[in-house]
N, C-alpha and C. Protein backbone atom coordinates (compact mmCIF):
# COMPACT_ATOMS: atom_id res chain seq x y z
N MET A 1 -21.96 -19.07 20.83
CA MET A 1 -23.29 -17.45 19.90
C MET A 1 -22.28 -17.16 18.48
N GLU A 2 -23.44 -17.46 17.31
CA GLU A 2 -22.75 -17.08 16.04
C GLU A 2 -22.99 -15.93 16.20
N ARG A 3 -22.11 -15.85 15.03
CA ARG A 3 -21.16 -14.45 14.80
C ARG A 3 -21.61 -13.89 13.26
N ARG A 4 -21.58 -13.25 12.95
CA ARG A 4 -21.53 -12.57 11.60
C ARG A 4 -20.71 -11.19 11.31
N SER A 5 -19.96 -11.48 10.77
CA SER A 5 -18.77 -10.43 9.78
C SER A 5 -19.26 -9.24 9.63
N THR A 6 -18.45 -7.87 10.05
CA THR A 6 -18.80 -7.26 9.91
C THR A 6 -18.16 -6.30 8.83
N GLY A 7 -17.44 -7.23 7.75
CA GLY A 7 -16.80 -6.93 6.40
C GLY A 7 -15.67 -6.04 6.81
N ILE A 8 -15.02 -5.81 7.78
CA ILE A 8 -13.96 -5.55 8.32
C ILE A 8 -13.13 -6.38 9.58
N SER A 9 -12.47 -6.97 8.85
CA SER A 9 -11.41 -7.34 9.18
C SER A 9 -10.86 -7.30 11.28
N GLY A 10 -10.68 -6.10 11.22
CA GLY A 10 -10.09 -5.91 12.37
C GLY A 10 -11.19 -5.68 13.52
N LEU A 11 -12.48 -5.40 12.45
CA LEU A 11 -13.41 -5.19 13.76
C LEU A 11 -13.70 -6.27 14.25
N ASP A 12 -14.03 -7.01 13.33
CA ASP A 12 -13.80 -8.87 13.69
C ASP A 12 -13.23 -9.49 13.98
N GLN A 13 -12.19 -9.51 13.84
CA GLN A 13 -10.84 -10.00 14.79
C GLN A 13 -11.16 -9.44 16.66
N VAL A 14 -11.54 -8.12 16.66
CA VAL A 14 -11.63 -7.52 18.41
C VAL A 14 -13.30 -8.14 18.67
N LEU A 15 -14.20 -8.05 18.18
CA LEU A 15 -15.36 -8.79 18.16
C LEU A 15 -15.54 -10.41 18.70
N ASP A 16 -13.95 -10.78 18.47
CA ASP A 16 -14.09 -12.41 18.50
C ASP A 16 -15.18 -12.74 17.03
N GLY A 17 -14.71 -12.59 16.29
CA GLY A 17 -15.49 -13.47 14.69
C GLY A 17 -16.51 -12.66 14.68
N GLY A 18 -16.91 -11.58 14.86
CA GLY A 18 -18.07 -10.42 14.19
C GLY A 18 -19.24 -10.27 15.25
N LEU A 19 -19.88 -9.45 14.37
CA LEU A 19 -21.34 -9.37 15.28
C LEU A 19 -22.46 -10.87 15.69
N PRO A 20 -23.06 -10.80 17.02
CA PRO A 20 -23.45 -11.69 17.61
C PRO A 20 -25.15 -11.97 16.85
N CYS A 21 -25.55 -12.75 15.82
CA CYS A 21 -26.51 -12.57 15.12
C CYS A 21 -27.27 -12.62 16.59
N GLY A 22 -28.53 -12.03 16.24
CA GLY A 22 -30.04 -11.70 17.01
C GLY A 22 -29.88 -9.89 17.68
N THR A 23 -28.43 -9.25 17.94
CA THR A 23 -28.11 -8.16 18.29
C THR A 23 -28.65 -7.31 17.52
N ILE A 24 -28.97 -5.71 18.18
CA ILE A 24 -29.17 -4.52 17.71
C ILE A 24 -28.23 -3.69 18.32
N VAL A 25 -27.11 -3.09 17.12
CA VAL A 25 -26.11 -2.64 17.58
C VAL A 25 -26.18 -1.02 16.85
N LEU A 26 -25.96 -0.09 18.34
CA LEU A 26 -25.70 1.14 17.84
C LEU A 26 -24.37 1.77 17.40
N ILE A 27 -24.44 2.59 16.11
CA ILE A 27 -23.37 3.01 16.34
C ILE A 27 -24.30 4.29 16.22
N GLN A 28 -23.15 5.60 17.10
CA GLN A 28 -22.61 6.75 17.45
C GLN A 28 -21.70 7.52 16.56
N GLY A 29 -22.11 8.24 15.67
CA GLY A 29 -20.93 9.35 15.25
C GLY A 29 -21.62 10.24 14.61
N ASN A 30 -20.79 11.28 14.66
CA ASN A 30 -21.38 12.67 13.63
C ASN A 30 -20.88 12.39 12.07
N PRO A 31 -21.70 13.19 11.08
CA PRO A 31 -21.95 12.68 9.72
C PRO A 31 -20.30 12.64 9.13
N LEU A 32 -19.44 12.81 9.78
CA LEU A 32 -18.05 12.83 9.39
C LEU A 32 -17.51 11.65 9.35
N SER A 33 -17.12 11.01 10.90
CA SER A 33 -17.17 9.75 11.48
C SER A 33 -16.94 8.53 10.53
N GLY A 34 -17.90 8.89 9.54
CA GLY A 34 -17.86 7.93 9.38
C GLY A 34 -18.10 5.99 9.12
N SER A 35 -19.35 6.51 10.36
CA SER A 35 -20.59 5.70 10.61
C SER A 35 -21.56 5.38 9.50
N ASP A 36 -21.54 6.00 8.67
CA ASP A 36 -22.37 5.52 7.24
C ASP A 36 -21.93 4.52 6.61
N LEU A 37 -20.38 5.31 6.54
CA LEU A 37 -19.45 4.07 5.72
C LEU A 37 -19.55 2.53 6.39
N LEU A 38 -19.00 2.74 7.58
CA LEU A 38 -19.18 1.84 9.04
C LEU A 38 -20.86 0.83 8.25
N ALA A 39 -21.74 1.25 8.70
CA ALA A 39 -23.51 0.64 8.31
C ALA A 39 -23.10 0.01 6.77
N ARG A 40 -22.77 0.67 5.31
CA ARG A 40 -22.83 -0.02 4.29
C ARG A 40 -21.83 -1.35 4.36
N GLN A 41 -20.79 -1.41 4.86
CA GLN A 41 -19.69 -2.46 4.97
C GLN A 41 -20.06 -3.29 5.81
N PHE A 42 -20.84 -3.28 6.52
CA PHE A 42 -22.13 -4.12 7.16
C PHE A 42 -23.11 -4.74 6.22
N TRP A 43 -24.02 -4.15 6.16
CA TRP A 43 -25.28 -3.97 4.67
C TRP A 43 -24.14 -5.06 4.04
N ASN A 44 -23.17 -4.54 2.93
CA ASN A 44 -22.51 -5.65 1.82
C ASN A 44 -22.04 -6.33 2.25
N ALA A 45 -21.63 -6.98 3.31
CA ALA A 45 -20.97 -7.71 3.65
C ALA A 45 -21.93 -9.35 3.76
N ALA A 46 -23.14 -9.00 4.04
CA ALA A 46 -24.58 -9.81 4.24
C ALA A 46 -24.68 -10.02 3.37
N SER A 47 -24.33 -12.27 2.79
CA SER A 47 -24.68 -13.24 1.95
C SER A 47 -26.33 -12.58 1.71
N ASP A 48 -27.13 -12.32 1.90
CA ASP A 48 -28.37 -11.56 1.41
C ASP A 48 -28.36 -10.33 2.36
N SER A 49 -28.13 -9.09 1.57
CA SER A 49 -28.04 -7.49 1.84
C SER A 49 -29.18 -6.88 2.50
N GLY A 50 -30.22 -7.93 3.19
CA GLY A 50 -31.57 -7.77 3.36
C GLY A 50 -32.00 -5.89 2.99
N THR A 51 -32.27 -5.28 4.50
CA THR A 51 -32.93 -3.67 4.56
C THR A 51 -31.84 -2.60 4.76
N TYR A 52 -32.05 -1.91 3.83
CA TYR A 52 -31.47 -0.50 4.04
C TYR A 52 -32.63 1.04 3.85
N LEU A 53 -32.88 1.43 5.24
CA LEU A 53 -33.77 2.04 5.62
C LEU A 53 -32.95 4.09 5.92
N MET A 54 -32.61 4.23 4.33
CA MET A 54 -32.08 5.49 4.37
C MET A 54 -32.58 6.78 4.53
N LEU A 55 -32.43 7.47 5.57
CA LEU A 55 -33.54 8.58 6.04
C LEU A 55 -32.89 9.85 5.51
N ASP A 56 -31.31 10.08 5.82
CA ASP A 56 -30.79 11.01 5.87
C ASP A 56 -29.71 11.47 5.21
N GLY A 57 -29.27 10.72 3.43
CA GLY A 57 -28.28 11.04 2.83
C GLY A 57 -29.25 10.04 1.92
N GLN A 58 -28.00 10.19 0.75
CA GLN A 58 -28.71 9.98 -0.52
C GLN A 58 -28.62 7.96 -0.95
N VAL A 59 -30.13 8.15 -1.63
CA VAL A 59 -30.41 6.60 -0.86
C VAL A 59 -30.37 6.39 -2.60
N GLU A 60 -29.84 4.74 -2.85
CA GLU A 60 -28.99 4.53 -3.72
C GLU A 60 -29.75 3.03 -3.99
N PRO A 61 -29.67 2.47 -4.81
CA PRO A 61 -30.61 1.58 -5.39
C PRO A 61 -30.59 0.42 -4.41
N GLY A 62 -31.87 -0.42 -3.74
CA GLY A 62 -31.74 -1.06 -3.02
C GLY A 62 -32.35 -0.38 -1.57
N MET A 63 -32.34 0.76 -1.36
CA MET A 63 -32.40 1.38 -0.40
C MET A 63 -33.98 1.48 0.19
N ILE A 64 -33.98 1.44 0.95
CA ILE A 64 -36.34 2.40 1.09
C ILE A 64 -36.00 3.45 2.07
N SER A 65 -36.21 4.59 1.17
CA SER A 65 -36.25 5.99 1.72
C SER A 65 -37.83 6.98 2.50
N THR A 66 -38.38 5.59 3.41
CA THR A 66 -39.61 6.61 3.74
C THR A 66 -39.82 5.43 5.20
N PHE A 67 -39.85 6.13 6.05
CA PHE A 67 -40.43 5.86 7.24
C PHE A 67 -41.80 5.99 7.68
N SER A 68 -42.28 4.59 7.93
CA SER A 68 -44.16 5.01 8.64
C SER A 68 -44.16 4.14 9.87
N PRO A 69 -44.30 4.22 11.14
CA PRO A 69 -44.03 3.94 11.96
C PRO A 69 -45.66 2.56 12.30
N ASP A 70 -46.17 2.55 11.19
CA ASP A 70 -47.44 1.67 11.17
C ASP A 70 -46.39 0.23 9.86
N HIS A 71 -45.60 0.20 9.24
CA HIS A 71 -45.25 -0.83 8.45
C HIS A 71 -43.50 -1.47 9.09
N SER A 72 -43.60 -1.75 10.39
CA SER A 72 -42.42 -2.12 10.72
C SER A 72 -41.92 -2.87 10.44
N ASP A 73 -42.61 -4.19 9.74
CA ASP A 73 -42.57 -5.13 9.65
C ASP A 73 -41.87 -5.52 7.96
N GLU A 74 -41.90 -4.39 7.32
CA GLU A 74 -41.61 -4.66 6.06
C GLU A 74 -40.40 -3.90 6.53
N TYR A 75 -39.84 -3.41 6.87
CA TYR A 75 -38.18 -3.64 7.13
C TYR A 75 -37.50 -4.03 8.09
N GLY A 76 -37.87 -5.24 8.32
CA GLY A 76 -37.24 -6.57 9.07
C GLY A 76 -36.63 -7.57 8.14
N ARG A 77 -36.95 -7.21 6.98
CA ARG A 77 -36.23 -8.43 6.25
C ARG A 77 -34.59 -8.16 5.80
N GLY A 78 -34.30 -9.93 5.43
CA GLY A 78 -32.88 -10.32 5.40
C GLY A 78 -31.96 -10.15 6.44
N GLU A 79 -30.61 -10.42 6.37
CA GLU A 79 -29.58 -10.75 7.14
C GLU A 79 -29.17 -9.72 8.00
N VAL A 80 -29.13 -8.25 7.35
CA VAL A 80 -28.18 -7.38 8.28
C VAL A 80 -29.52 -6.10 7.82
N ILE A 81 -29.99 -5.40 8.49
CA ILE A 81 -31.24 -4.20 8.61
C ILE A 81 -30.19 -3.16 9.05
N ILE A 82 -29.98 -2.01 8.54
CA ILE A 82 -29.38 -0.92 8.38
C ILE A 82 -30.73 0.51 8.64
N VAL A 83 -30.60 1.28 10.13
CA VAL A 83 -31.51 2.46 9.95
C VAL A 83 -30.77 3.84 10.28
N ASP A 84 -30.63 4.47 8.88
CA ASP A 84 -29.64 5.39 8.60
C ASP A 84 -30.39 7.00 8.54
N SER A 85 -31.05 7.71 9.63
CA SER A 85 -30.47 7.32 10.96
C SER A 85 -31.70 7.14 12.39
N LEU A 86 -31.37 6.69 13.15
CA LEU A 86 -32.06 6.23 14.10
C LEU A 86 -32.44 7.53 14.81
N SER A 87 -31.34 8.40 15.09
CA SER A 87 -31.53 10.06 15.12
C SER A 87 -33.25 10.65 14.73
N THR A 88 -33.03 10.35 13.04
CA THR A 88 -34.31 11.14 12.63
C THR A 88 -35.48 10.66 12.80
N ILE A 89 -35.94 9.43 13.00
CA ILE A 89 -36.89 8.64 13.57
C ILE A 89 -37.53 9.53 14.75
N LEU A 90 -36.51 9.13 15.38
CA LEU A 90 -36.51 9.66 17.17
C LEU A 90 -36.88 11.44 17.28
N LEU A 91 -36.03 11.88 16.49
CA LEU A 91 -36.89 13.57 16.41
C LEU A 91 -38.07 13.44 15.82
N GLU A 92 -38.68 12.94 14.69
CA GLU A 92 -39.79 12.96 14.20
C GLU A 92 -40.85 12.49 14.84
N HIS A 93 -40.52 11.10 15.34
CA HIS A 93 -42.21 10.44 15.94
C HIS A 93 -42.12 10.61 17.00
N GLY A 94 -40.75 11.00 18.53
CA GLY A 94 -40.07 10.36 19.89
C GLY A 94 -40.34 9.23 20.33
N LEU A 95 -39.35 9.13 21.43
CA LEU A 95 -39.27 7.70 22.01
C LEU A 95 -39.84 7.24 22.40
N ASP A 96 -40.97 6.97 22.53
CA ASP A 96 -42.06 5.74 22.50
C ASP A 96 -42.14 4.99 21.59
N LEU A 97 -42.37 6.17 20.33
CA LEU A 97 -42.84 5.14 19.26
C LEU A 97 -41.29 4.56 18.70
N THR A 98 -40.41 5.27 18.61
CA THR A 98 -38.85 4.95 18.61
C THR A 98 -38.24 3.87 18.61
N LEU A 99 -39.11 3.27 20.56
CA LEU A 99 -38.01 2.07 21.18
C LEU A 99 -39.28 1.47 21.14
N THR A 100 -41.23 1.55 20.76
CA THR A 100 -41.89 0.54 20.47
C THR A 100 -41.30 -0.76 18.90
N PHE A 101 -40.75 0.57 17.82
CA PHE A 101 -39.97 -0.38 16.71
C PHE A 101 -38.93 -0.73 17.12
N LEU A 102 -37.98 -0.65 18.17
CA LEU A 102 -36.43 -1.39 17.80
C LEU A 102 -37.33 -2.34 18.71
N ARG A 103 -38.41 -2.66 19.79
CA ARG A 103 -38.13 -3.32 20.45
C ARG A 103 -39.40 -5.16 19.17
N SER A 104 -40.05 -4.17 18.69
CA SER A 104 -40.75 -4.87 17.40
C SER A 104 -39.45 -5.41 16.55
N MET A 105 -38.06 -4.71 15.87
CA MET A 105 -37.33 -4.83 15.48
C MET A 105 -36.28 -6.46 16.56
N LYS A 106 -36.20 -6.51 17.73
CA LYS A 106 -35.44 -7.15 18.43
C LYS A 106 -36.22 -8.54 17.91
N GLU A 107 -37.29 -8.54 18.73
CA GLU A 107 -37.84 -9.75 18.07
C GLU A 107 -38.38 -10.62 17.11
N GLN A 108 -37.62 -9.88 15.99
CA GLN A 108 -38.15 -9.87 14.54
C GLN A 108 -36.56 -10.76 14.79
N ILE A 109 -35.62 -9.88 14.74
CA ILE A 109 -34.30 -10.19 14.49
C ILE A 109 -33.94 -11.56 15.57
N ARG A 110 -34.22 -11.20 16.68
CA ARG A 110 -33.90 -12.84 17.19
C ARG A 110 -34.38 -13.99 16.86
N ARG A 111 -35.82 -14.10 16.08
CA ARG A 111 -36.07 -14.99 15.37
C ARG A 111 -35.36 -15.48 14.06
N THR A 112 -34.96 -14.45 13.69
CA THR A 112 -34.26 -14.48 12.24
C THR A 112 -32.67 -15.10 12.23
N GLY A 113 -32.51 -14.34 13.31
CA GLY A 113 -30.85 -14.16 13.22
C GLY A 113 -30.10 -13.53 13.10
N GLY A 114 -30.84 -12.22 12.58
CA GLY A 114 -30.28 -11.17 11.80
C GLY A 114 -29.36 -9.83 12.86
N ASN A 115 -29.41 -9.18 11.63
CA ASN A 115 -28.74 -7.84 12.86
C ASN A 115 -29.70 -6.41 12.51
N LEU A 116 -29.75 -5.80 13.35
CA LEU A 116 -30.30 -4.28 12.81
C LEU A 116 -28.89 -3.52 13.93
N ILE A 117 -28.92 -2.70 13.14
CA ILE A 117 -27.50 -1.87 12.87
C ILE A 117 -28.27 -0.20 12.63
N VAL A 118 -28.00 0.48 13.64
CA VAL A 118 -29.04 1.82 13.45
C VAL A 118 -27.83 2.69 14.30
N LEU A 119 -28.02 3.76 13.14
CA LEU A 119 -27.22 5.08 13.64
C LEU A 119 -27.67 6.19 14.16
N THR A 120 -26.82 6.87 15.53
CA THR A 120 -27.06 8.39 16.15
C THR A 120 -26.31 8.66 15.83
N TYR A 121 -26.54 10.07 16.45
CA TYR A 121 -25.94 11.81 15.85
C TYR A 121 -25.73 12.50 17.37
N PRO A 122 -24.31 11.82 17.83
CA PRO A 122 -24.59 13.17 19.74
C PRO A 122 -24.36 14.12 19.48
N GLY A 123 -25.30 14.16 20.65
CA GLY A 123 -25.52 15.80 21.35
C GLY A 123 -27.35 16.03 20.46
N LEU A 124 -27.67 14.95 19.78
CA LEU A 124 -29.09 15.57 19.44
C LEU A 124 -30.34 15.30 20.49
N HIS A 125 -29.74 14.33 21.19
CA HIS A 125 -30.77 13.66 22.11
C HIS A 125 -30.84 13.94 23.24
N THR A 126 -32.20 14.25 24.69
CA THR A 126 -31.24 13.70 25.20
C THR A 126 -30.99 12.83 26.50
N PRO A 127 -30.45 13.52 27.42
CA PRO A 127 -29.73 12.25 28.71
C PRO A 127 -31.16 10.88 28.68
N LEU A 128 -31.99 11.29 28.99
CA LEU A 128 -32.75 10.37 29.34
C LEU A 128 -33.17 9.35 27.66
N GLU A 129 -33.40 9.80 26.39
CA GLU A 129 -33.35 9.40 25.76
C GLU A 129 -32.33 8.66 25.24
N GLU A 130 -31.16 9.04 25.58
CA GLU A 130 -29.91 8.05 24.79
C GLU A 130 -29.65 7.57 26.41
N ILE A 131 -30.07 7.32 27.43
CA ILE A 131 -30.16 6.12 28.43
C ILE A 131 -30.77 5.20 28.07
N ARG A 132 -32.26 5.27 27.41
CA ARG A 132 -33.19 4.18 26.83
C ARG A 132 -33.19 4.01 26.12
N LEU A 133 -32.06 4.35 25.04
CA LEU A 133 -31.60 3.51 23.62
C LEU A 133 -30.44 2.64 23.94
N LEU A 134 -29.72 3.18 24.41
CA LEU A 134 -28.91 2.52 24.97
C LEU A 134 -28.81 0.82 25.87
N ARG A 135 -30.14 0.72 26.56
CA ARG A 135 -30.43 -0.14 27.54
C ARG A 135 -31.43 -0.87 26.42
N THR A 136 -31.80 -0.43 25.31
CA THR A 136 -32.37 -1.35 24.06
C THR A 136 -31.56 -1.99 23.56
N VAL A 137 -30.53 -1.36 23.03
CA VAL A 137 -29.54 -2.01 22.03
C VAL A 137 -28.64 -3.20 23.23
N ASP A 138 -27.65 -3.62 22.39
CA ASP A 138 -27.05 -5.01 22.70
C ASP A 138 -26.00 -4.65 22.80
N LEU A 139 -25.21 -3.72 21.47
CA LEU A 139 -24.17 -3.44 21.55
C LEU A 139 -24.14 -1.74 21.21
N PHE A 140 -22.76 -1.01 21.60
CA PHE A 140 -22.85 0.20 21.14
C PHE A 140 -21.51 0.49 20.60
N LEU A 141 -21.06 0.90 20.07
CA LEU A 141 -19.91 1.20 18.92
C LEU A 141 -19.91 2.82 19.03
N GLU A 142 -18.76 3.59 19.39
CA GLU A 142 -19.05 5.07 18.85
C GLU A 142 -17.91 5.64 18.25
N MET A 143 -18.07 6.45 17.16
CA MET A 143 -17.13 6.76 16.27
C MET A 143 -16.90 8.19 16.48
N GLN A 144 -15.47 8.03 16.76
CA GLN A 144 -15.13 9.88 17.25
C GLN A 144 -14.28 10.71 15.65
N GLN A 145 -14.30 11.71 15.90
CA GLN A 145 -12.94 12.43 14.58
C GLN A 145 -12.50 13.00 15.59
N GLU A 146 -11.48 13.11 15.72
CA GLU A 146 -10.55 14.29 16.64
C GLU A 146 -9.54 14.84 15.70
N VAL A 147 -9.24 16.22 15.71
CA VAL A 147 -8.23 17.01 15.38
C VAL A 147 -6.95 17.39 16.56
N VAL A 148 -5.83 16.66 16.13
CA VAL A 148 -4.89 17.56 17.07
C VAL A 148 -3.77 17.30 16.40
N MET A 149 -3.52 18.84 16.60
CA MET A 149 -2.10 19.58 15.90
C MET A 149 -2.91 19.29 14.18
N ASN A 150 -1.65 19.21 13.87
CA ASN A 150 -2.35 19.22 11.95
C ASN A 150 -3.14 18.06 11.61
N GLU A 151 -3.13 17.42 12.03
CA GLU A 151 -3.40 15.83 11.96
C GLU A 151 -5.28 15.33 11.92
N VAL A 152 -5.92 15.04 11.65
CA VAL A 152 -7.13 14.39 12.07
C VAL A 152 -7.42 12.78 12.26
N SER A 153 -7.54 12.78 13.17
CA SER A 153 -7.68 10.88 13.98
C SER A 153 -8.70 10.86 14.06
N HIS A 154 -9.30 9.19 13.92
CA HIS A 154 -10.46 8.41 13.91
C HIS A 154 -10.15 7.21 14.93
N LEU A 155 -11.70 7.28 16.09
CA LEU A 155 -11.19 6.48 17.16
C LEU A 155 -12.58 5.57 17.29
N LEU A 156 -13.17 4.77 17.44
CA LEU A 156 -13.67 3.64 17.65
C LEU A 156 -13.76 2.69 18.90
N ILE A 157 -14.66 3.36 19.89
CA ILE A 157 -14.92 2.45 21.67
C ILE A 157 -15.79 2.00 21.24
N ILE A 158 -15.39 0.70 21.94
CA ILE A 158 -16.73 -0.22 22.04
C ILE A 158 -17.16 -0.21 23.61
N HIS A 159 -18.46 0.35 23.71
CA HIS A 159 -18.71 0.33 24.76
C HIS A 159 -20.03 -0.51 25.48
N LYS A 160 -20.23 -1.50 24.50
CA LYS A 160 -21.51 -2.61 25.18
C LYS A 160 -21.23 -3.72 24.00
N VAL A 161 -21.10 -5.35 25.05
CA VAL A 161 -20.72 -5.64 23.74
C VAL A 161 -21.27 -6.99 24.75
N PRO A 162 -22.66 -7.94 23.58
CA PRO A 162 -22.88 -8.93 25.17
C PRO A 162 -22.21 -10.17 25.13
N GLY A 163 -21.70 -11.05 25.59
CA GLY A 163 -21.55 -12.41 25.25
C GLY A 163 -19.25 -12.17 25.97
N MET A 164 -18.70 -10.58 26.38
CA MET A 164 -17.29 -10.66 25.47
C MET A 164 -17.19 -9.63 26.91
N PRO A 165 -15.81 -9.76 27.45
CA PRO A 165 -15.59 -8.38 28.45
C PRO A 165 -15.46 -7.08 27.46
N VAL A 166 -15.90 -5.54 27.28
CA VAL A 166 -15.78 -4.73 26.86
C VAL A 166 -13.79 -4.13 26.72
N PRO A 167 -13.46 -4.49 25.66
CA PRO A 167 -12.19 -3.60 24.87
C PRO A 167 -11.95 -3.27 26.12
N LEU A 168 -10.72 -2.81 26.77
CA LEU A 168 -10.38 -1.48 27.27
C LEU A 168 -9.52 -0.40 26.69
N ARG A 169 -9.47 -0.79 25.42
CA ARG A 169 -8.81 0.58 24.47
C ARG A 169 -9.89 0.71 23.63
N VAL A 170 -9.21 2.25 23.35
CA VAL A 170 -9.83 2.93 22.02
C VAL A 170 -9.20 2.33 20.92
N PHE A 171 -10.23 2.19 19.62
CA PHE A 171 -9.18 1.23 18.01
C PHE A 171 -8.82 2.65 16.82
N PRO A 172 -7.78 3.01 17.06
CA PRO A 172 -7.80 4.18 15.65
C PRO A 172 -8.30 3.13 14.37
N TYR A 173 -9.19 4.37 13.78
CA TYR A 173 -9.49 2.87 12.27
C TYR A 173 -9.41 4.94 11.21
N PHE A 174 -9.27 4.30 9.85
CA PHE A 174 -9.06 5.05 8.70
C PHE A 174 -9.87 4.56 8.02
N ILE A 175 -10.55 5.92 6.76
CA ILE A 175 -11.68 6.10 6.28
C ILE A 175 -10.86 6.03 4.66
N THR A 176 -11.07 4.88 4.29
CA THR A 176 -10.57 4.86 2.86
C THR A 176 -11.39 5.23 1.76
N GLU A 177 -11.37 4.37 0.19
CA GLU A 177 -11.95 4.35 -0.93
C GLU A 177 -13.30 3.76 -0.47
N HIS A 178 -12.70 2.38 0.32
CA HIS A 178 -12.93 0.81 0.50
C HIS A 178 -14.23 0.81 1.78
N GLY A 179 -14.02 2.39 2.27
CA GLY A 179 -14.83 2.14 3.66
C GLY A 179 -13.73 2.35 4.90
N VAL A 180 -13.76 1.96 5.91
CA VAL A 180 -13.44 1.81 7.53
C VAL A 180 -12.53 1.08 7.37
N GLU A 181 -11.13 1.29 8.26
CA GLU A 181 -10.21 0.37 8.60
C GLU A 181 -9.96 0.51 9.78
N LEU A 182 -9.79 -0.82 10.35
CA LEU A 182 -9.76 -0.90 11.95
C LEU A 182 -8.25 -1.13 11.99
N SER A 183 -7.22 -0.69 12.59
CA SER A 183 -6.07 -0.88 13.21
C SER A 183 -6.42 -1.73 14.83
N THR A 184 -5.69 -2.35 14.64
CA THR A 184 -5.71 -3.27 15.79
C THR A 184 -4.49 -3.41 16.76
N SER A 185 -3.65 -2.62 15.82
CA SER A 185 -2.03 -2.87 16.32
C SER A 185 -1.60 -2.17 17.23
N ILE A 186 -1.39 -2.44 18.67
CA ILE A 186 -0.62 -1.71 19.58
C ILE A 186 0.75 -1.05 19.34
N PHE A 187 0.72 0.14 19.56
CA PHE A 187 2.36 0.94 19.31
C PHE A 187 3.01 1.02 20.38
N ILE A 188 4.41 0.35 20.90
CA ILE A 188 5.12 0.50 22.41
C ILE A 188 5.90 2.06 22.36
N VAL A 189 6.27 3.06 22.67
CA VAL A 189 7.16 3.71 22.07
C VAL A 189 8.21 4.29 23.20
C-alpha cells in the first residue's frame, strides 16, 4: 500500500511510513489538543498542498472558508484535503448530507490517491452520528489533553488503521512552535 508522509516523523514511523494513500482520516480532539496543528502539518507535508476547508478558525492564504454541499467537487483538489471541521458541517447540514459528502470525497481520493483529513470535536455528536462517521472513515486518531497533578500531557490514540494492526499503546506528543511532535520512545521505570 502506497503511503504519504504525515510531516511528523514519529507518526510516520508508527504508521509504517505514513498515511495509506486513498484514505479518509478522522482526527478527534478538542481545540486545545493540537488537532488543527496536526492537520496543518499533513497539509504542508504534501508536495501538492491541496485544499484546506477552514470553517472553525482563522483563514490563511490558500484556504477556503465556506462550505456548500452542492459544490463538493471543488473540495477534492490536491494530494491532501483538510476539513476543519467536519463537526461544523454535521451540525449545520445533518448526518445524511455529511455522509454523502464523505462518500463523494472517498470516491475522489481513491481515484487520485489523495488523503482526506477531517477534524471533529468530542462530545458534540450523538452516539449514532459518531458510529456512522467511524464506519465511513479509514483511520481514526484521537488526541487527548489531560492535566495530571501540575503537568499538561497530550496523548495520541490510534483506534483504526487499514492494512496493519492497531497499535496497543498510547503515544505521548508535544506541541512546539513548529507543530506536533510524537514521542515513540518507551520508558521503563
